[in-house]
Each structure stands twice: as C-alpha cells, then as structure tokens.
C-alpha cells in the first residue's frame, strides 16, 4: 500500500492492477487504517481514471454479498447523494404488477 500511496502523492494515476491491489487490501482488512484514510483522501482530491474505477469495482464486486429475495420484490430505498433539494429516491413505490422485474 505504501508504494501505491507514493504514486498518488506524486500526482500520478494508478493502473487497474494497482487499484485492485489497494482495494483488495482495504476490503480484506489487511491495510492499516491510516493508510486507508490517506488512500481515500488522495483519491477524493481528483477525478478517478477509467482504470482506477474498473480496478475498484472489480474488487468490490468480488466482496459483494448477493441478496436472495422472493419474486416480484424490489428495493425502493435510494442511497441519497442527489442533493438536499431532490426528492428521496425511495419516494416512489413500485411493485411487480407495475412491470418491475427483479435483476438476476
């Protein structure tokens, strides 16, 4: 993780594999908290590259927990982040009769 932090401190972008390595260390719990904080702060200070997004997403997908739900059930709870003047994403209720289909 130190070598990855060094790259970011120089203002350079990470490769997909470097980003995968960093996110693997974070998601597995092997990265020290201080290094995780530094890594996330350095990434937050700029726009991510396609390689960085792809590397991070691939690791997070590996760690994602699949939720098994009955047929015709959908998630109506939004994650927010659209700004304080926007209506809540979960404000619209849909059900299977409205044509919603679960993702497989």
PDB file of N, CA and C in Angstrom:
ATOM      1  N   UNK A   1       0.823  -1.188   0.000  1.00  0.00           N
ATOM      2  CA  UNK A   1       0.000   0.000   0.000  1.00  0.00           C
ATOM      3  C   UNK A   1       0.870   1.256   0.000  1.00  0.00           C
ATOM      4  N   UNK A   2       2.048   1.196   0.625  1.00  0.00           N
ATOM      5  CA  UNK A   2       2.910   2.381   0.662  1.00  0.00           C
ATOM      6  C   UNK A   2       3.346   2.806  -0.731  1.00  0.00           C
ATOM      7  N   UNK A   3       3.634   1.832  -1.602  1.00  0.00           N
ATOM      8  CA  UNK A   3       4.053   2.179  -2.962  1.00  0.00           C
ATOM      9  C   UNK A   3       2.912   2.833  -3.739  1.00  0.00           C
ATOM     10  N   UNK A   4       1.691   2.412  -3.472  1.00  0.00           N
ATOM     11  CA  UNK A   4       0.525   2.995  -4.133  1.00  0.00           C
ATOM     12  C   UNK A   4       0.298   4.422  -3.631  1.00  0.00           C
ATOM     13  N   UNK A   5       0.457   4.627  -2.334  1.00  0.00           N
ATOM     14  CA  UNK A   5       0.329   5.980  -1.780  1.00  0.00           C
ATOM     15  C   UNK A   5       1.394   6.905  -2.367  1.00  0.00           C
ATOM     16  N   UNK A   6       2.589   6.386  -2.556  1.00  0.00           N
ATOM     17  CA  UNK A   6       3.678   7.173  -3.129  1.00  0.00           C
ATOM     18  C   UNK A   6       3.336   7.636  -4.550  1.00  0.00           C
ATOM     19  N   UNK A   7       2.745   6.749  -5.323  1.00  0.00           N
ATOM     20  CA  UNK A   7       2.335   7.092  -6.690  1.00  0.00           C
ATOM     21  C   UNK A   7       1.299   8.216  -6.661  1.00  0.00           C
ATOM     22  N   UNK A   8       0.309   8.083  -5.785  1.00  0.00           N
ATOM     23  CA  UNK A   8      -0.738   9.091  -5.697  1.00  0.00           C
ATOM     24  C   UNK A   8      -0.203  10.429  -5.187  1.00  0.00           C
ATOM     25  N   UNK A   9       0.735  10.380  -4.253  1.00  0.00           N
ATOM     26  CA  UNK A   9       1.329  11.616  -3.737  1.00  0.00           C
ATOM     27  C   UNK A   9       2.091  12.375  -4.814  1.00  0.00           C
ATOM     28  N   UNK A  10       2.598  11.667  -5.815  1.00  0.00           N
ATOM     29  CA  UNK A  10       3.294  12.300  -6.936  1.00  0.00           C
ATOM     30  C   UNK A  10       2.316  12.850  -7.974  1.00  0.00           C
ATOM     31  N   UNK A  11       1.009  12.654  -7.721  1.00  0.00           N
ATOM     32  CA  UNK A  11       0.004  13.152  -8.661  1.00  0.00           C
ATOM     33  C   UNK A  11      -0.217  12.242  -9.849  1.00  0.00           C
ATOM     34  N   UNK A  12       0.293  11.027  -9.770  1.00  0.00           N
ATOM     35  CA  UNK A  12       0.149  10.082 -10.875  1.00  0.00           C
ATOM     36  C   UNK A  12      -1.094   9.218 -10.689  1.00  0.00           C
ATOM     37  N   UNK A  13      -1.574   8.659 -11.783  1.00  0.00           N
ATOM     38  CA  UNK A  13      -2.722   7.758 -11.755  1.00  0.00           C
ATOM     39  C   UNK A  13      -2.259   6.337 -11.484  1.00  0.00           C
ATOM     40  N   UNK A  14      -3.194   5.532 -11.001  1.00  0.00           N
ATOM     41  CA  UNK A  14      -2.907   4.122 -10.754  1.00  0.00           C
ATOM     42  C   UNK A  14      -3.365   3.280 -11.934  1.00  0.00           C
ATOM     43  N   UNK A  15      -2.691   2.159 -12.128  1.00  0.00           N
ATOM     44  CA  UNK A  15      -3.153   1.194 -13.116  1.00  0.00           C
ATOM     45  C   UNK A  15      -4.329   0.435 -12.514  1.00  0.00           C
ATOM     46  N   UNK A  16      -5.007  -0.313 -13.345  1.00  0.00           N
ATOM     47  CA  UNK A  16      -6.117  -1.120 -12.857  1.00  0.00           C
ATOM     48  C   UNK A  16      -5.622  -2.128 -11.815  1.00  0.00           C
ATOM     49  N   UNK A  17      -4.491  -2.741 -12.064  1.00  0.00           N
ATOM     50  CA  UNK A  17      -3.955  -3.741 -11.126  1.00  0.00           C
ATOM     51  C   UNK A  17      -3.517  -3.096  -9.808  1.00  0.00           C
ATOM     52  N   UNK A  18      -2.911  -1.918  -9.872  1.00  0.00           N
ATOM     53  CA  UNK A  18      -2.530  -1.219  -8.631  1.00  0.00           C
ATOM     54  C   UNK A  18      -3.771  -0.876  -7.802  1.00  0.00           C
ATOM     55  N   UNK A  19      -4.813  -0.431  -8.486  1.00  0.00           N
ATOM     56  CA  UNK A  19      -6.052  -0.098  -7.786  1.00  0.00           C
ATOM     57  C   UNK A  19      -6.682  -1.351  -7.203  1.00  0.00           C
ATOM     58  N   UNK A  20      -6.663  -2.439  -7.957  1.00  0.00           N
ATOM     59  CA  UNK A  20      -7.184  -3.712  -7.438  1.00  0.00           C
ATOM     60  C   UNK A  20      -6.423  -4.112  -6.182  1.00  0.00           C
ATOM     61  N   UNK A  21      -5.127  -3.979  -6.202  1.00  0.00           N
ATOM     62  CA  UNK A  21      -4.297  -4.349  -5.060  1.00  0.00           C
ATOM     63  C   UNK A  21      -4.664  -3.523  -3.824  1.00  0.00           C
ATOM     64  N   UNK A  22      -4.836  -2.225  -4.027  1.00  0.00           N
ATOM     65  CA  UNK A  22      -5.193  -1.346  -2.908  1.00  0.00           C
ATOM     66  C   UNK A  22      -6.565  -1.693  -2.353  1.00  0.00           C
ATOM     67  N   UNK A  23      -7.536  -1.885  -3.219  1.00  0.00           N
ATOM     68  CA  UNK A  23      -8.880  -2.196  -2.757  1.00  0.00           C
ATOM     69  C   UNK A  23      -8.958  -3.595  -2.146  1.00  0.00           C
ATOM     70  N   UNK A  24      -8.168  -4.513  -2.629  1.00  0.00           N
ATOM     71  CA  UNK A  24      -8.112  -5.844  -2.012  1.00  0.00           C
ATOM     72  C   UNK A  24      -7.599  -5.727  -0.577  1.00  0.00           C
ATOM     73  N   UNK A  25      -6.565  -4.923  -0.381  1.00  0.00           N
ATOM     74  CA  UNK A  25      -6.030  -4.716   0.972  1.00  0.00           C
ATOM     75  C   UNK A  25      -7.070  -4.060   1.877  1.00  0.00           C
ATOM     76  N   UNK A  26      -7.815  -3.115   1.337  1.00  0.00           N
ATOM     77  CA  UNK A  26      -8.851  -2.437   2.116  1.00  0.00           C
ATOM     78  C   UNK A  26      -9.986  -3.399   2.450  1.00  0.00           C
ATOM     79  N   UNK A  27     -10.516  -4.073   1.437  1.00  0.00           N
ATOM     80  CA  UNK A  27     -11.680  -4.932   1.643  1.00  0.00           C
ATOM     81  C   UNK A  27     -11.357  -6.152   2.504  1.00  0.00           C
ATOM     82  N   UNK A  28     -10.135  -6.633   2.449  1.00  0.00           N
ATOM     83  CA  UNK A  28      -9.759  -7.802   3.253  1.00  0.00           C
ATOM     84  C   UNK A  28      -9.434  -7.421   4.693  1.00  0.00           C
ATOM     85  N   UNK A  29      -9.235  -6.118   4.930  1.00  0.00           N
ATOM     86  CA  UNK A  29      -8.909  -5.653   6.268  1.00  0.00           C
ATOM     87  C   UNK A  29      -7.428  -5.677   6.586  1.00  0.00           C
ATOM     88  N   UNK A  30      -6.594  -5.950   5.590  1.00  0.00           N
ATOM     89  CA  UNK A  30      -5.155  -6.042   5.845  1.00  0.00           C
ATOM     90  C   UNK A  30      -4.437  -4.692   5.797  1.00  0.00           C
ATOM     91  N   UNK A  31      -5.075  -3.668   5.244  1.00  0.00           N
ATOM     92  CA  UNK A  31      -4.452  -2.344   5.165  1.00  0.00           C
ATOM     93  C   UNK A  31      -4.659  -1.597   6.481  1.00  0.00           C
ATOM     94  N   UNK A  32      -3.614  -0.984   7.010  1.00  0.00           N
ATOM     95  CA  UNK A  32      -3.762  -0.185   8.231  1.00  0.00           C
ATOM     96  C   UNK A  32      -4.728   0.983   8.005  1.00  0.00           C
ATOM     97  N   UNK A  33      -5.483   1.334   9.040  1.00  0.00           N
ATOM     98  CA  UNK A  33      -6.494   2.388   8.932  1.00  0.00           C
ATOM     99  C   UNK A  33      -5.909   3.710   8.428  1.00  0.00           C
ATOM    100  N   UNK A  34      -4.726   4.062   8.886  1.00  0.00           N
ATOM    101  CA  UNK A  34      -4.107   5.326   8.461  1.00  0.00           C
ATOM    102  C   UNK A  34      -3.826   5.316   6.959  1.00  0.00           C
ATOM    103  N   UNK A  35      -3.390   4.184   6.444  1.00  0.00           N
ATOM    104  CA  UNK A  35      -3.127   4.084   5.007  1.00  0.00           C
ATOM    105  C   UNK A  35      -4.418   4.106   4.208  1.00  0.00           C
ATOM    106  N   UNK A  36      -5.459   3.482   4.733  1.00  0.00           N
ATOM    107  CA  UNK A  36      -6.765   3.519   4.054  1.00  0.00           C
ATOM    108  C   UNK A  36      -7.253   4.962   3.985  1.00  0.00           C
ATOM    109  N   UNK A  37      -7.157   5.683   5.090  1.00  0.00           N
ATOM    110  CA  UNK A  37      -7.579   7.082   5.107  1.00  0.00           C
ATOM    111  C   UNK A  37      -6.796   7.934   4.129  1.00  0.00           C
ATOM    112  N   UNK A  38      -5.488   7.744   4.094  1.00  0.00           N
ATOM    113  CA  UNK A  38      -4.650   8.503   3.162  1.00  0.00           C
ATOM    114  C   UNK A  38      -5.008   8.169   1.721  1.00  0.00           C
ATOM    115  N   UNK A  39      -5.192   6.893   1.432  1.00  0.00           N
ATOM    116  CA  UNK A  39      -5.543   6.445   0.084  1.00  0.00           C
ATOM    117  C   UNK A  39      -6.853   7.084  -0.364  1.00  0.00           C
ATOM    118  N   UNK A  40      -7.875   6.992   0.486  1.00  0.00           N
ATOM    119  CA  UNK A  40      -9.183   7.540   0.119  1.00  0.00           C
ATOM    120  C   UNK A  40      -9.147   9.057  -0.005  1.00  0.00           C
ATOM    121  N   UNK A  41      -8.384   9.727   0.851  1.00  0.00           N
ATOM    122  CA  UNK A  41      -8.261  11.185   0.761  1.00  0.00           C
ATOM    123  C   UNK A  41      -7.568  11.593  -0.532  1.00  0.00           C
ATOM    124  N   UNK A  42      -6.536  10.871  -0.922  1.00  0.00           N
ATOM    125  CA  UNK A  42      -5.829  11.190  -2.160  1.00  0.00           C
ATOM    126  C   UNK A  42      -6.719  10.960  -3.378  1.00  0.00           C
ATOM    127  N   UNK A  43      -7.524   9.913  -3.345  1.00  0.00           N
ATOM    128  CA  UNK A  43      -8.433   9.664  -4.467  1.00  0.00           C
ATOM    129  C   UNK A  43      -9.549  10.702  -4.512  1.00  0.00           C
ATOM    130  N   UNK A  44     -10.013  11.134  -3.357  1.00  0.00           N
ATOM    131  CA  UNK A  44     -11.121  12.088  -3.303  1.00  0.00           C
ATOM    132  C   UNK A  44     -10.732  13.463  -3.827  1.00  0.00           C
ATOM    133  N   UNK A  45      -9.449  13.733  -3.879  1.00  0.00           N
ATOM    134  CA  UNK A  45      -8.974  15.039  -4.320  1.00  0.00           C
ATOM    135  C   UNK A  45      -8.898  15.225  -5.812  1.00  0.00           C
ATOM    136  N   UNK A  46      -9.327  14.224  -6.568  1.00  0.00           N
ATOM    137  CA  UNK A  46      -9.257  14.337  -8.034  1.00  0.00           C
ATOM    138  C   UNK A  46     -10.266  13.382  -8.664  1.00  0.00           C
ATOM    139  N   UNK A  47     -10.442  13.497  -9.960  1.00  0.00           N
ATOM    140  CA  UNK A  47     -11.340  12.590 -10.670  1.00  0.00           C
ATOM    141  C   UNK A  47     -10.624  11.265 -10.929  1.00  0.00           C
ATOM    142  N   UNK A  48     -11.303  10.145 -10.737  1.00  0.00           N
ATOM    143  CA  UNK A  48     -10.667   8.844 -10.982  1.00  0.00           C
ATOM    144  C   UNK A  48     -10.539   8.561 -12.475  1.00  0.00           C
ATOM    145  N   UNK A  49      -9.563   7.731 -12.815  1.00  0.00           N
ATOM    146  CA  UNK A  49      -9.405   7.298 -14.196  1.00  0.00           C
ATOM    147  C   UNK A  49     -10.278   6.072 -14.436  1.00  0.00           C
ATOM    148  N   UNK A  50     -10.432   5.706 -15.681  1.00  0.00           N
ATOM    149  CA  UNK A  50     -11.199   4.506 -16.033  1.00  0.00           C
ATOM    150  C   UNK A  50     -10.552   3.278 -15.401  1.00  0.00           C
ATOM    151  N   UNK A  51      -9.223   3.178 -15.451  1.00  0.00           N
ATOM    152  CA  UNK A  51      -8.527   2.032 -14.855  1.00  0.00           C
ATOM    153  C   UNK A  51      -8.755   1.962 -13.343  1.00  0.00           C
ATOM    154  N   UNK A  52      -8.752   3.113 -12.679  1.00  0.00           N
ATOM    155  CA  UNK A  52      -8.969   3.132 -11.235  1.00  0.00           C
ATOM    156  C   UNK A  52     -10.395   2.699 -10.898  1.00  0.00           C
ATOM    157  N   UNK A  53     -11.361   3.188 -11.650  1.00  0.00           N
ATOM    158  CA  UNK A  53     -12.753   2.790 -11.421  1.00  0.00           C
ATOM    159  C   UNK A  53     -12.952   1.301 -11.677  1.00  0.00           C
ATOM    160  N   UNK A  54     -12.368   0.805 -12.761  1.00  0.00           N
ATOM    161  CA  UNK A  54     -12.518  -0.611 -13.097  1.00  0.00           C
ATOM    162  C   UNK A  54     -11.859  -1.500 -12.043  1.00  0.00           C
ATOM    163  N   UNK A  55     -10.689  -1.111 -11.579  1.00  0.00           N
ATOM    164  CA  UNK A  55      -9.995  -1.896 -10.563  1.00  0.00           C
ATOM    165  C   UNK A  55     -10.757  -1.929  -9.255  1.00  0.00           C
ATOM    166  N   UNK A  56     -11.263  -0.783  -8.834  1.00  0.00           N
ATOM    167  CA  UNK A  56     -12.026  -0.711  -7.588  1.00  0.00           C
ATOM    168  C   UNK A  56     -13.329  -1.500  -7.704  1.00  0.00           C
ATOM    169  N   UNK A  57     -14.035  -1.325  -8.804  1.00  0.00           N
ATOM    170  CA  UNK A  57     -15.323  -2.004  -8.984  1.00  0.00           C
ATOM    171  C   UNK A  57     -15.157  -3.513  -9.019  1.00  0.00           C
ATOM    172  N   UNK A  58     -14.098  -3.997  -9.657  1.00  0.00           N
ATOM    173  CA  UNK A  58     -13.921  -5.446  -9.753  1.00  0.00           C
ATOM    174  C   UNK A  58     -13.712  -6.078  -8.383  1.00  0.00           C
ATOM    175  N   UNK A  59     -12.969  -5.409  -7.507  1.00  0.00           N
ATOM    176  CA  UNK A  59     -12.755  -5.944  -6.162  1.00  0.00           C
ATOM    177  C   UNK A  59     -14.038  -5.849  -5.341  1.00  0.00           C
ATOM    178  N   UNK A  60     -14.734  -4.728  -5.433  1.00  0.00           N
ATOM    179  CA  UNK A  60     -15.966  -4.584  -4.655  1.00  0.00           C
ATOM    180  C   UNK A  60     -17.019  -5.600  -5.081  1.00  0.00           C
ATOM    181  N   UNK A  61     -17.059  -5.932  -6.383  1.00  0.00           N
ATOM    182  CA  UNK A  61     -17.992  -6.964  -6.840  1.00  0.00           C
ATOM    183  C   UNK A  61     -17.643  -8.322  -6.241  1.00  0.00           C
ATOM    184  N   UNK A  62     -16.356  -8.589  -6.099  1.00  0.00           N
ATOM    185  CA  UNK A  62     -15.939  -9.864  -5.502  1.00  0.00           C
ATOM    186  C   UNK A  62     -16.372  -9.963  -4.037  1.00  0.00           C
ATOM    187  N   UNK A  63     -16.408  -8.859  -3.340  1.00  0.00           N
ATOM    188  CA  UNK A  63     -16.764  -8.839  -1.923  1.00  0.00           C
ATOM    189  C   UNK A  63     -18.255  -8.601  -1.674  1.00  0.00           C
ATOM    190  N   UNK A  64     -18.999  -8.288  -2.714  1.00  0.00           N
ATOM    191  CA  UNK A  64     -20.425  -8.009  -2.554  1.00  0.00           C
ATOM    192  C   UNK A  64     -21.160  -9.261  -2.087  1.00  0.00           C
ATOM    193  N   UNK A  65     -22.143  -9.056  -1.238  1.00  0.00           N
ATOM    194  CA  UNK A  65     -22.965 -10.155  -0.748  1.00  0.00           C
ATOM    195  C   UNK A  65     -24.245 -10.187  -1.570  1.00  0.00           C
ATOM    196  N   UNK A  66     -24.499 -11.311  -2.204  1.00  0.00           N
ATOM    197  CA  UNK A  66     -25.700 -11.447  -3.021  1.00  0.00           C
ATOM    198  C   UNK A  66     -26.900 -11.633  -2.104  1.00  0.00           C
ATOM    199  N   UNK A  67     -27.951 -10.882  -2.385  1.00  0.00           N
ATOM    200  CA  UNK A  67     -29.171 -10.963  -1.602  1.00  0.00           C
ATOM    201  C   UNK A  67     -30.191 -11.783  -2.380  1.00  0.00           C
ATOM    202  N   UNK A  68     -30.708 -12.805  -1.753  1.00  0.00           N
ATOM    203  CA  UNK A  68     -31.735 -13.625  -2.377  1.00  0.00           C
ATOM    204  C   UNK A  68     -33.089 -13.112  -1.888  1.00  0.00           C
ATOM    205  N   UNK A  69     -33.948 -12.751  -2.822  1.00  0.00           N
ATOM    206  CA  UNK A  69     -35.249 -12.189  -2.473  1.00  0.00           C
ATOM    207  C   UNK A  69     -36.337 -12.948  -3.237  1.00  0.00           C
ATOM    208  N   UNK A  70     -37.537 -12.944  -2.703  1.00  0.00           N
ATOM    209  CA  UNK A  70     -38.651 -13.596  -3.406  1.00  0.00           C
ATOM    210  C   UNK A  70     -38.951 -12.893  -4.727  1.00  0.00           C
ATOM    211  N   UNK A  71     -39.673 -13.575  -5.603  1.00  0.00           N
ATOM    212  CA  UNK A  71     -40.086 -12.985  -6.884  1.00  0.00           C
ATOM    213  C   UNK A  71     -40.924 -11.733  -6.630  1.00  0.00           C
ATOM    214  N   UNK A  72     -40.879 -10.796  -7.556  1.00  0.00           N
ATOM    215  CA  UNK A  72     -41.681  -9.564  -7.533  1.00  0.00           C
ATOM    216  C   UNK A  72     -41.381  -8.654  -6.352  1.00  0.00           C
ATOM    217  N   UNK A  73     -40.186  -8.722  -5.809  1.00  0.00           N
ATOM    218  CA  UNK A  73     -39.777  -7.826  -4.737  1.00  0.00           C
ATOM    219  C   UNK A  73     -38.678  -6.933  -5.286  1.00  0.00           C
ATOM    220  N   UNK A  74     -38.787  -5.634  -5.045  1.00  0.00           N
ATOM    221  CA  UNK A  74     -37.758  -4.701  -5.493  1.00  0.00           C
ATOM    222  C   UNK A  74     -37.344  -3.812  -4.340  1.00  0.00           C
ATOM    223  N   UNK A  75     -36.208  -3.208  -4.479  1.00  0.00           N
ATOM    224  CA  UNK A  75     -35.691  -2.277  -3.485  1.00  0.00           C
ATOM    225  C   UNK A  75     -36.198  -0.879  -3.829  1.00  0.00           C
ATOM    226  N   UNK A  76     -36.911  -0.249  -2.904  1.00  0.00           N
ATOM    227  CA  UNK A  76     -37.419   1.101  -3.149  1.00  0.00           C
ATOM    228  C   UNK A  76     -36.680   2.135  -2.321  1.00  0.00           C
ATOM    229  N   UNK A  77     -35.546   1.748  -1.743  1.00  0.00           N
ATOM    230  CA  UNK A  77     -34.795   2.649  -0.885  1.00  0.00           C
ATOM    231  C   UNK A  77     -33.610   3.207  -1.659  1.00  0.00           C
ATOM    232  N   UNK A  78     -33.576   4.515  -1.840  1.00  0.00           N
ATOM    233  CA  UNK A  78     -32.463   5.146  -2.539  1.00  0.00           C
ATOM    234  C   UNK A  78     -31.257   5.289  -1.639  1.00  0.00           C
ATOM    235  N   UNK A  79     -30.127   5.568  -2.244  1.00  0.00           N
ATOM    236  CA  UNK A  79     -28.885   5.744  -1.491  1.00  0.00           C
ATOM    237  C   UNK A  79     -28.600   7.199  -1.198  1.00  0.00           C
ATOM    238  N   UNK A  80     -29.426   8.099  -1.705  1.00  0.00           N
ATOM    239  CA  UNK A  80     -29.198   9.524  -1.462  1.00  0.00           C
ATOM    240  C   UNK A  80     -28.096  10.066  -2.347  1.00  0.00           C
ATOM    241  N   UNK A  81     -27.540  11.184  -1.948  1.00  0.00           N
ATOM    242  CA  UNK A  81     -26.430  11.755  -2.693  1.00  0.00           C
ATOM    243  C   UNK A  81     -26.842  12.630  -3.864  1.00  0.00           C
ATOM    244  N   UNK A  82     -28.125  12.896  -4.014  1.00  0.00           N
ATOM    245  CA  UNK A  82     -28.577  13.703  -5.149  1.00  0.00           C
ATOM    246  C   UNK A  82     -28.732  15.165  -4.788  1.00  0.00           C
ATOM    247  N   UNK A  83     -28.407  15.537  -3.602  1.00  0.00           N
ATOM    248  CA  UNK A  83     -28.555  16.926  -3.187  1.00  0.00           C
ATOM    249  C   UNK A  83     -29.756  17.087  -2.284  1.00  0.00           C
ATOM    250  N   UNK A  84     -29.705  18.077  -1.428  1.00  0.00           N
ATOM    251  CA  UNK A  84     -30.744  18.225  -0.424  1.00  0.00           C
ATOM    252  C   UNK A  84     -32.061  18.769  -0.977  1.00  0.00           C
ATOM    253  N   UNK A  85     -32.089  19.259  -2.206  1.00  0.00           N
ATOM    254  CA  UNK A  85     -33.330  19.763  -2.784  1.00  0.00           C
ATOM    255  C   UNK A  85     -34.052  18.700  -3.611  1.00  0.00           C
ATOM    256  N   UNK A  86     -33.421  17.562  -3.809  1.00  0.00           N
ATOM    257  CA  UNK A  86     -34.026  16.499  -4.608  1.00  0.00           C
ATOM    258  C   UNK A  86     -34.930  15.638  -3.735  1.00  0.00           C
ATOM    259  N   UNK A  87     -36.034  15.149  -4.295  1.00  0.00           N
ATOM    260  CA  UNK A  87     -36.883  14.256  -3.512  1.00  0.00           C
ATOM    261  C   UNK A  87     -36.145  12.942  -3.243  1.00  0.00           C
ATOM    262  N   UNK A  88     -36.512  12.239  -2.176  1.00  0.00           N
ATOM    263  CA  UNK A  88     -35.837  10.980  -1.881  1.00  0.00           C
ATOM    264  C   UNK A  88     -36.030   9.979  -3.014  1.00  0.00           C
ATOM    265  N   UNK A  89     -34.973   9.245  -3.333  1.00  0.00           N
ATOM    266  CA  UNK A  89     -35.069   8.264  -4.412  1.00  0.00           C
ATOM    267  C   UNK A  89     -36.045   7.154  -4.068  1.00  0.00           C
ATOM    268  N   UNK A  90     -36.217   6.866  -2.788  1.00  0.00           N
ATOM    269  CA  UNK A  90     -37.122   5.804  -2.378  1.00  0.00           C
ATOM    270  C   UNK A  90     -38.558   6.267  -2.262  1.00  0.00           C
ATOM    271  N   UNK A  91     -38.858   7.482  -2.710  1.00  0.00           N
ATOM    272  CA  UNK A  91     -40.201   8.018  -2.561  1.00  0.00           C
ATOM    273  C   UNK A  91     -41.221   7.406  -3.498  1.00  0.00           C
ATOM    274  N   UNK A  92     -40.802   6.755  -4.550  1.00  0.00           N
ATOM    275  CA  UNK A  92     -41.709   6.133  -5.499  1.00  0.00           C
ATOM    276  C   UNK A  92     -41.760   4.645  -5.220  1.00  0.00           C
ATOM    277  N   UNK A  93     -42.948   4.140  -4.989  1.00  0.00           N
ATOM    278  CA  UNK A  93     -43.104   2.725  -4.675  1.00  0.00           C
ATOM    279  C   UNK A  93     -43.592   1.992  -5.908  1.00  0.00           C
ATOM    280  N   UNK A  94     -42.886   0.957  -6.254  1.00  0.00           N
ATOM    281  CA  UNK A  94     -43.256   0.106  -7.385  1.00  0.00           C
ATOM    282  C   UNK A  94     -43.479  -1.300  -6.872  1.00  0.00           C
ATOM    283  N   UNK A  95     -44.259  -2.066  -7.617  1.00  0.00           N
ATOM    284  CA  UNK A  95     -44.358  -3.484  -7.276  1.00  0.00           C
ATOM    285  C   UNK A  95     -44.343  -4.303  -8.564  1.00  0.00           C
ATOM    286  N   UNK A  96     -44.376  -5.593  -8.428  1.00  0.00           N
ATOM    287  CA  UNK A  96     -44.311  -6.483  -9.584  1.00  0.00           C
ATOM    288  C   UNK A  96     -45.437  -6.258 -10.570  1.00  0.00           C
ATOM    289  N   UNK A  97     -46.586  -5.771 -10.108  1.00  0.00           N
ATOM    290  CA  UNK A  97     -47.728  -5.536 -11.009  1.00  0.00           C
ATOM    291  C   UNK A  97     -47.494  -4.340 -11.929  1.00  0.00           C
ATOM    292  N   UNK A  98     -46.556  -3.473 -11.571  1.00  0.00           N
ATOM    293  CA  UNK A  98     -46.255  -2.303 -12.402  1.00  0.00           C
ATOM    294  C   UNK A  98     -45.236  -2.630 -13.472  1.00  0.00           C
ATOM    295  N   UNK A  99     -44.857  -3.889 -13.576  1.00  0.00           N
ATOM    296  CA  UNK A  99     -43.928  -4.300 -14.625  1.00  0.00           C
ATOM    297  C   UNK A  99     -42.488  -4.378 -14.149  1.00  0.00           C
ATOM    298  N   UNK A 100     -42.227  -4.133 -12.877  1.00  0.00           N
ATOM    299  CA  UNK A 100     -40.859  -4.230 -12.367  1.00  0.00           C
ATOM    300  C   UNK A 100     -40.432  -5.690 -12.356  1.00  0.00           C
ATOM    301  N   UNK A 101     -39.217  -5.941 -12.720  1.00  0.00           N
ATOM    302  CA  UNK A 101     -38.685  -7.297 -12.731  1.00  0.00           C
ATOM    303  C   UNK A 101     -37.413  -7.345 -11.893  1.00  0.00           C
ATOM    304  N   UNK A 102     -37.245  -8.380 -11.078  1.00  0.00           N
ATOM    305  CA  UNK A 102     -36.016  -8.484 -10.277  1.00  0.00           C
ATOM    306  C   UNK A 102     -34.819  -8.740 -11.180  1.00  0.00           C
ATOM    307  N   UNK A 103     -33.671  -8.226 -10.796  1.00  0.00           N
ATOM    308  CA  UNK A 103     -32.421  -8.476 -11.523  1.00  0.00           C
ATOM    309  C   UNK A 103     -31.893  -9.838 -11.143  1.00  0.00           C
ATOM    310  N   UNK A 104     -31.353 -10.566 -12.094  1.00  0.00           N
ATOM    311  CA  UNK A 104     -30.752 -11.885 -11.810  1.00  0.00           C
ATOM    312  C   UNK A 104     -29.294 -11.861 -12.164  1.00  0.00           C
TER     313      UNK A 104
END
